[in-house]
């Protein structure tokens, strides 16, 4: 049996190509990709855990983790949860995933700093 690309597949490919072009333009214009602040996100996760009164052990149990070490690493900004674990945490905390993430501030490029100092 041959694989046939349907109209939906072609539209999806076009959309992905357009996204890739937009991302390339964004990088070439200097805005870059958004990056997650690991330490800030860890603090946010710890805050949500305390606010919702959910212990590290409860998180470990609900996510099926072998130990609670990973949760402490997230809270201390040493690592980030996997996408699956972020999704599970969002359900556990009743908080959208995007609200759990802290993004790094964009640092100005050297020429932007120079231009700012001239004003």
N, C-alpha and C. Protein backbone atom coordinates (compact mmCIF):
# COMPACT_ATOMS: atom_id res chain seq x y z
N UNK A 1 0.84 -1.16 0.00
CA UNK A 1 0.00 0.00 0.00
C UNK A 1 0.90 1.24 0.00
N UNK A 2 0.61 2.17 -0.88
CA UNK A 2 1.37 3.42 -0.95
C UNK A 2 0.79 4.44 0.01
N UNK A 3 1.68 5.26 0.53
CA UNK A 3 1.27 6.34 1.41
C UNK A 3 0.96 7.56 0.55
N UNK A 4 -0.22 8.12 0.72
CA UNK A 4 -0.65 9.27 -0.07
C UNK A 4 -0.83 10.46 0.87
N UNK A 5 -0.20 11.56 0.49
CA UNK A 5 -0.35 12.78 1.28
C UNK A 5 -1.65 13.46 0.87
N UNK A 6 -2.52 13.65 1.85
CA UNK A 6 -3.79 14.30 1.60
C UNK A 6 -3.67 15.81 1.75
N UNK A 7 -4.77 16.51 1.47
CA UNK A 7 -4.79 17.97 1.57
C UNK A 7 -4.47 18.44 2.99
N UNK A 8 -4.98 17.73 3.99
CA UNK A 8 -4.71 18.12 5.37
C UNK A 8 -3.22 18.05 5.67
N UNK A 9 -2.56 16.99 5.18
CA UNK A 9 -1.12 16.84 5.40
C UNK A 9 -0.35 17.96 4.72
N UNK A 10 -0.76 18.31 3.50
CA UNK A 10 -0.08 19.37 2.76
C UNK A 10 -0.25 20.71 3.48
N UNK A 11 -1.45 20.98 4.00
CA UNK A 11 -1.68 22.23 4.73
C UNK A 11 -0.85 22.28 6.01
N UNK A 12 -0.74 21.13 6.68
CA UNK A 12 0.07 21.08 7.89
C UNK A 12 1.54 21.34 7.57
N UNK A 13 2.03 20.75 6.47
CA UNK A 13 3.41 20.97 6.06
C UNK A 13 3.65 22.43 5.74
N UNK A 14 2.70 23.07 5.04
CA UNK A 14 2.83 24.49 4.71
C UNK A 14 2.88 25.32 5.99
N UNK A 15 2.03 24.98 6.94
CA UNK A 15 2.00 25.70 8.21
C UNK A 15 3.30 25.56 8.95
N UNK A 16 3.87 24.35 8.97
CA UNK A 16 5.14 24.12 9.64
C UNK A 16 6.26 24.88 8.96
N UNK A 17 6.22 24.93 7.63
CA UNK A 17 7.24 25.67 6.88
C UNK A 17 7.13 27.17 7.19
N UNK A 18 5.91 27.68 7.25
CA UNK A 18 5.70 29.09 7.57
C UNK A 18 6.20 29.40 8.97
N UNK A 19 5.95 28.50 9.93
CA UNK A 19 6.44 28.70 11.29
C UNK A 19 7.96 28.74 11.31
N UNK A 20 8.58 27.86 10.54
CA UNK A 20 10.03 27.80 10.48
C UNK A 20 10.60 29.10 9.92
N UNK A 21 9.95 29.63 8.89
CA UNK A 21 10.39 30.90 8.29
C UNK A 21 10.24 32.03 9.30
N UNK A 22 9.10 32.08 10.01
CA UNK A 22 8.90 33.13 11.02
C UNK A 22 9.95 33.04 12.12
N UNK A 23 10.28 31.81 12.55
CA UNK A 23 11.29 31.64 13.59
C UNK A 23 12.65 32.10 13.08
N UNK A 24 12.97 31.77 11.83
CA UNK A 24 14.25 32.20 11.26
C UNK A 24 14.31 33.72 11.19
N UNK A 25 13.23 34.36 10.78
CA UNK A 25 13.19 35.81 10.70
C UNK A 25 13.35 36.41 12.09
N UNK A 26 12.72 35.80 13.07
CA UNK A 26 12.80 36.30 14.45
C UNK A 26 14.24 36.24 14.93
N UNK A 27 14.93 35.14 14.66
CA UNK A 27 16.32 35.01 15.10
C UNK A 27 17.19 36.02 14.36
N UNK A 28 16.98 36.17 13.05
CA UNK A 28 17.82 37.10 12.29
C UNK A 28 17.54 38.55 12.68
N UNK A 29 16.34 38.84 13.18
CA UNK A 29 16.02 40.19 13.66
C UNK A 29 16.51 40.43 15.07
N UNK A 30 17.05 39.41 15.70
CA UNK A 30 17.64 39.57 17.01
C UNK A 30 16.72 39.30 18.19
N UNK A 31 15.47 38.91 17.95
CA UNK A 31 14.60 38.70 19.10
C UNK A 31 14.81 37.31 19.70
N UNK A 32 15.37 36.37 18.94
CA UNK A 32 15.69 35.05 19.47
C UNK A 32 14.46 34.27 19.89
N UNK A 33 14.71 33.10 20.41
CA UNK A 33 13.65 32.25 20.92
C UNK A 33 13.46 32.52 22.40
N UNK A 34 12.24 32.41 22.88
CA UNK A 34 12.06 32.55 24.33
C UNK A 34 12.75 31.40 25.05
N UNK A 35 13.34 31.68 26.18
CA UNK A 35 14.02 30.65 26.96
C UNK A 35 13.43 30.61 28.36
N UNK A 36 13.37 29.41 28.91
CA UNK A 36 12.82 29.21 30.24
C UNK A 36 13.89 29.51 31.28
N UNK A 37 13.51 30.28 32.27
CA UNK A 37 14.37 30.55 33.42
C UNK A 37 14.19 29.39 34.39
N UNK A 38 15.17 28.51 34.46
CA UNK A 38 15.06 27.29 35.27
C UNK A 38 14.90 27.62 36.75
N UNK A 39 15.69 28.54 37.25
CA UNK A 39 15.61 28.90 38.67
C UNK A 39 14.26 29.55 38.99
N UNK A 40 13.83 30.47 38.14
CA UNK A 40 12.55 31.14 38.36
C UNK A 40 11.38 30.19 38.26
N UNK A 41 11.44 29.27 37.32
CA UNK A 41 10.38 28.28 37.18
C UNK A 41 10.35 27.36 38.40
N UNK A 42 11.53 26.99 38.91
CA UNK A 42 11.58 26.17 40.13
C UNK A 42 10.93 26.87 41.31
N UNK A 43 11.20 28.16 41.44
CA UNK A 43 10.59 28.94 42.53
C UNK A 43 9.07 28.99 42.36
N UNK A 44 8.63 29.14 41.11
CA UNK A 44 7.19 29.17 40.84
C UNK A 44 6.55 27.83 41.20
N UNK A 45 7.20 26.72 40.84
CA UNK A 45 6.66 25.40 41.17
C UNK A 45 6.58 25.21 42.69
N UNK A 46 7.63 25.64 43.40
CA UNK A 46 7.63 25.53 44.87
C UNK A 46 6.48 26.36 45.45
N UNK A 47 6.32 27.59 44.92
CA UNK A 47 5.25 28.47 45.39
C UNK A 47 3.88 27.81 45.18
N UNK A 48 3.65 27.27 43.99
CA UNK A 48 2.36 26.64 43.69
C UNK A 48 2.11 25.44 44.59
N UNK A 49 3.16 24.67 44.85
CA UNK A 49 3.04 23.52 45.72
C UNK A 49 2.60 23.95 47.12
N UNK A 50 3.24 25.00 47.63
CA UNK A 50 2.88 25.50 48.97
C UNK A 50 1.47 26.11 48.98
N UNK A 51 1.18 26.90 47.94
CA UNK A 51 -0.12 27.56 47.86
C UNK A 51 -1.26 26.54 47.82
N UNK A 52 -1.05 25.45 47.10
CA UNK A 52 -2.09 24.41 46.96
C UNK A 52 -2.00 23.37 48.08
N UNK A 53 -1.01 23.57 48.98
CA UNK A 53 -0.81 22.66 50.11
C UNK A 53 -0.59 21.21 49.63
N UNK A 54 0.29 21.07 48.64
CA UNK A 54 0.63 19.76 48.08
C UNK A 54 2.10 19.48 48.41
N UNK A 55 2.35 18.41 49.12
CA UNK A 55 3.71 18.09 49.56
C UNK A 55 4.54 17.49 48.43
N UNK A 56 5.85 17.50 48.63
CA UNK A 56 6.77 16.88 47.68
C UNK A 56 6.44 15.40 47.53
N UNK A 57 6.12 14.75 48.62
CA UNK A 57 5.78 13.33 48.58
C UNK A 57 4.50 13.08 47.78
N UNK A 58 3.54 13.98 47.91
CA UNK A 58 2.30 13.85 47.12
C UNK A 58 2.60 14.02 45.63
N UNK A 59 3.45 14.98 45.30
CA UNK A 59 3.84 15.18 43.89
C UNK A 59 4.53 13.92 43.38
N UNK A 60 5.47 13.39 44.16
CA UNK A 60 6.18 12.17 43.78
C UNK A 60 5.18 11.04 43.51
N UNK A 61 4.23 10.86 44.42
CA UNK A 61 3.25 9.78 44.27
C UNK A 61 2.37 10.00 43.05
N UNK A 62 1.84 11.21 42.89
CA UNK A 62 0.91 11.49 41.78
C UNK A 62 1.58 11.35 40.41
N UNK A 63 2.87 11.70 40.34
CA UNK A 63 3.59 11.63 39.07
C UNK A 63 4.26 10.27 38.87
N UNK A 64 4.21 9.41 39.87
CA UNK A 64 4.80 8.09 39.75
C UNK A 64 6.32 8.11 39.70
N UNK A 65 6.93 9.05 40.45
CA UNK A 65 8.38 9.16 40.47
C UNK A 65 8.95 8.17 41.47
N UNK A 66 10.12 7.62 41.16
CA UNK A 66 10.75 6.63 42.03
C UNK A 66 11.21 7.25 43.35
N UNK A 67 11.63 8.52 43.31
CA UNK A 67 12.04 9.20 44.54
C UNK A 67 11.60 10.66 44.44
N UNK A 68 11.77 11.38 45.55
CA UNK A 68 11.37 12.79 45.54
C UNK A 68 12.52 13.72 45.13
N UNK A 69 13.67 13.14 44.82
CA UNK A 69 14.85 13.93 44.46
C UNK A 69 14.58 14.83 43.25
N UNK A 70 13.89 14.31 42.24
CA UNK A 70 13.61 15.11 41.04
C UNK A 70 12.80 16.35 41.39
N UNK A 71 11.82 16.20 42.28
CA UNK A 71 10.97 17.34 42.65
C UNK A 71 11.82 18.41 43.33
N UNK A 72 12.72 18.00 44.23
CA UNK A 72 13.61 18.96 44.88
C UNK A 72 14.53 19.63 43.86
N UNK A 73 14.98 18.90 42.85
CA UNK A 73 15.82 19.49 41.80
C UNK A 73 15.04 20.54 41.02
N UNK A 74 13.76 20.27 40.73
CA UNK A 74 12.93 21.26 40.05
C UNK A 74 12.78 22.50 40.92
N UNK A 75 12.43 22.30 42.20
CA UNK A 75 12.20 23.42 43.11
C UNK A 75 13.46 24.26 43.29
N UNK A 76 14.62 23.64 43.24
CA UNK A 76 15.88 24.35 43.43
C UNK A 76 16.47 24.88 42.12
N UNK A 77 15.76 24.72 41.02
CA UNK A 77 16.21 25.26 39.74
C UNK A 77 17.37 24.52 39.11
N UNK A 78 17.59 23.28 39.51
CA UNK A 78 18.69 22.50 38.94
C UNK A 78 18.28 21.77 37.67
N UNK A 79 16.98 21.53 37.50
CA UNK A 79 16.47 20.89 36.30
C UNK A 79 14.99 21.26 36.15
N UNK A 80 14.43 20.89 35.01
CA UNK A 80 13.02 21.14 34.74
C UNK A 80 12.29 19.80 34.59
N UNK A 81 11.01 19.77 34.93
CA UNK A 81 10.24 18.56 34.69
C UNK A 81 10.13 18.28 33.18
N UNK A 82 9.91 17.03 32.84
CA UNK A 82 9.65 16.68 31.45
C UNK A 82 8.32 17.31 31.05
N UNK A 83 8.04 17.32 29.78
CA UNK A 83 6.77 17.87 29.31
C UNK A 83 5.59 17.11 29.92
N UNK A 84 5.69 15.79 29.98
CA UNK A 84 4.63 14.99 30.59
C UNK A 84 4.44 15.36 32.06
N UNK A 85 5.54 15.56 32.78
CA UNK A 85 5.43 15.92 34.19
C UNK A 85 4.91 17.35 34.36
N UNK A 86 5.28 18.26 33.46
CA UNK A 86 4.71 19.61 33.51
C UNK A 86 3.20 19.55 33.34
N UNK A 87 2.76 18.72 32.40
CA UNK A 87 1.32 18.58 32.16
C UNK A 87 0.63 18.04 33.40
N UNK A 88 1.22 17.01 34.01
CA UNK A 88 0.64 16.42 35.22
C UNK A 88 0.61 17.45 36.36
N UNK A 89 1.70 18.22 36.50
CA UNK A 89 1.73 19.25 37.54
C UNK A 89 0.67 20.31 37.30
N UNK A 90 0.44 20.66 36.04
CA UNK A 90 -0.57 21.67 35.73
C UNK A 90 -1.96 21.19 36.17
N UNK A 91 -2.21 19.91 36.00
CA UNK A 91 -3.49 19.34 36.45
C UNK A 91 -3.54 19.29 37.97
N UNK A 92 -2.45 18.88 38.57
CA UNK A 92 -2.38 18.75 40.03
C UNK A 92 -2.55 20.12 40.70
N UNK A 93 -1.91 21.15 40.14
CA UNK A 93 -1.97 22.50 40.71
C UNK A 93 -3.16 23.31 40.19
N UNK A 94 -3.90 22.76 39.23
CA UNK A 94 -5.02 23.48 38.60
C UNK A 94 -4.53 24.82 38.04
N UNK A 95 -3.40 24.74 37.32
CA UNK A 95 -2.75 25.94 36.78
C UNK A 95 -2.30 25.64 35.35
N UNK A 96 -2.60 26.51 34.39
CA UNK A 96 -2.12 26.29 33.02
C UNK A 96 -0.60 26.18 32.99
N UNK A 97 -0.09 25.32 32.12
CA UNK A 97 1.35 25.10 32.03
C UNK A 97 2.10 26.40 31.80
N UNK A 98 1.60 27.23 30.93
CA UNK A 98 2.30 28.47 30.60
C UNK A 98 2.44 29.39 31.82
N UNK A 99 1.49 29.33 32.74
CA UNK A 99 1.57 30.15 33.95
C UNK A 99 2.58 29.58 34.95
N UNK A 100 2.99 28.34 34.75
CA UNK A 100 3.98 27.74 35.64
C UNK A 100 5.40 28.08 35.20
N UNK A 101 5.56 28.52 33.97
CA UNK A 101 6.88 28.81 33.42
C UNK A 101 7.27 30.27 33.64
N UNK A 102 8.53 30.48 33.96
CA UNK A 102 9.10 31.82 34.04
C UNK A 102 10.10 31.92 32.88
N UNK A 103 9.95 32.95 32.07
CA UNK A 103 10.84 33.12 30.93
C UNK A 103 11.98 34.07 31.29
N UNK A 104 13.13 33.83 30.67
CA UNK A 104 14.28 34.72 30.86
C UNK A 104 13.98 36.05 30.21
N UNK A 105 14.47 37.09 30.84
CA UNK A 105 14.35 38.42 30.26
C UNK A 105 15.28 38.50 29.06
N UNK A 106 14.84 39.19 28.03
CA UNK A 106 15.70 39.40 26.87
C UNK A 106 16.79 40.38 27.24
N UNK A 107 18.02 39.97 27.03
CA UNK A 107 19.13 40.88 27.31
C UNK A 107 19.45 41.64 26.03
N UNK A 108 19.64 42.96 26.13
CA UNK A 108 19.93 43.74 24.93
C UNK A 108 21.26 43.33 24.30
N UNK A 109 21.28 43.38 22.98
CA UNK A 109 22.53 43.12 22.26
C UNK A 109 23.48 44.29 22.51
N UNK A 110 24.78 44.11 22.31
CA UNK A 110 25.75 45.19 22.56
C UNK A 110 25.39 46.49 21.86
N UNK A 111 24.93 46.41 20.61
CA UNK A 111 24.59 47.64 19.89
C UNK A 111 23.35 48.31 20.48
N UNK A 112 22.43 47.51 21.07
CA UNK A 112 21.27 48.09 21.72
C UNK A 112 21.69 48.83 22.99
N UNK A 113 22.63 48.26 23.75
CA UNK A 113 23.12 48.92 24.96
C UNK A 113 23.77 50.25 24.59
N UNK A 114 24.55 50.25 23.49
CA UNK A 114 25.22 51.46 23.04
C UNK A 114 24.20 52.53 22.67
N UNK A 115 23.13 52.12 21.98
CA UNK A 115 22.11 53.07 21.56
C UNK A 115 21.36 53.62 22.78
N UNK A 116 21.12 52.76 23.80
CA UNK A 116 20.42 53.21 25.00
C UNK A 116 21.24 54.25 25.75
N UNK A 117 22.54 54.08 25.78
CA UNK A 117 23.39 55.01 26.54
C UNK A 117 23.50 56.36 25.84
N UNK A 118 23.18 56.44 24.56
CA UNK A 118 23.26 57.69 23.81
C UNK A 118 22.05 58.57 24.06
N UNK A 119 20.95 58.00 24.55
CA UNK A 119 19.71 58.77 24.74
C UNK A 119 19.67 59.48 26.04
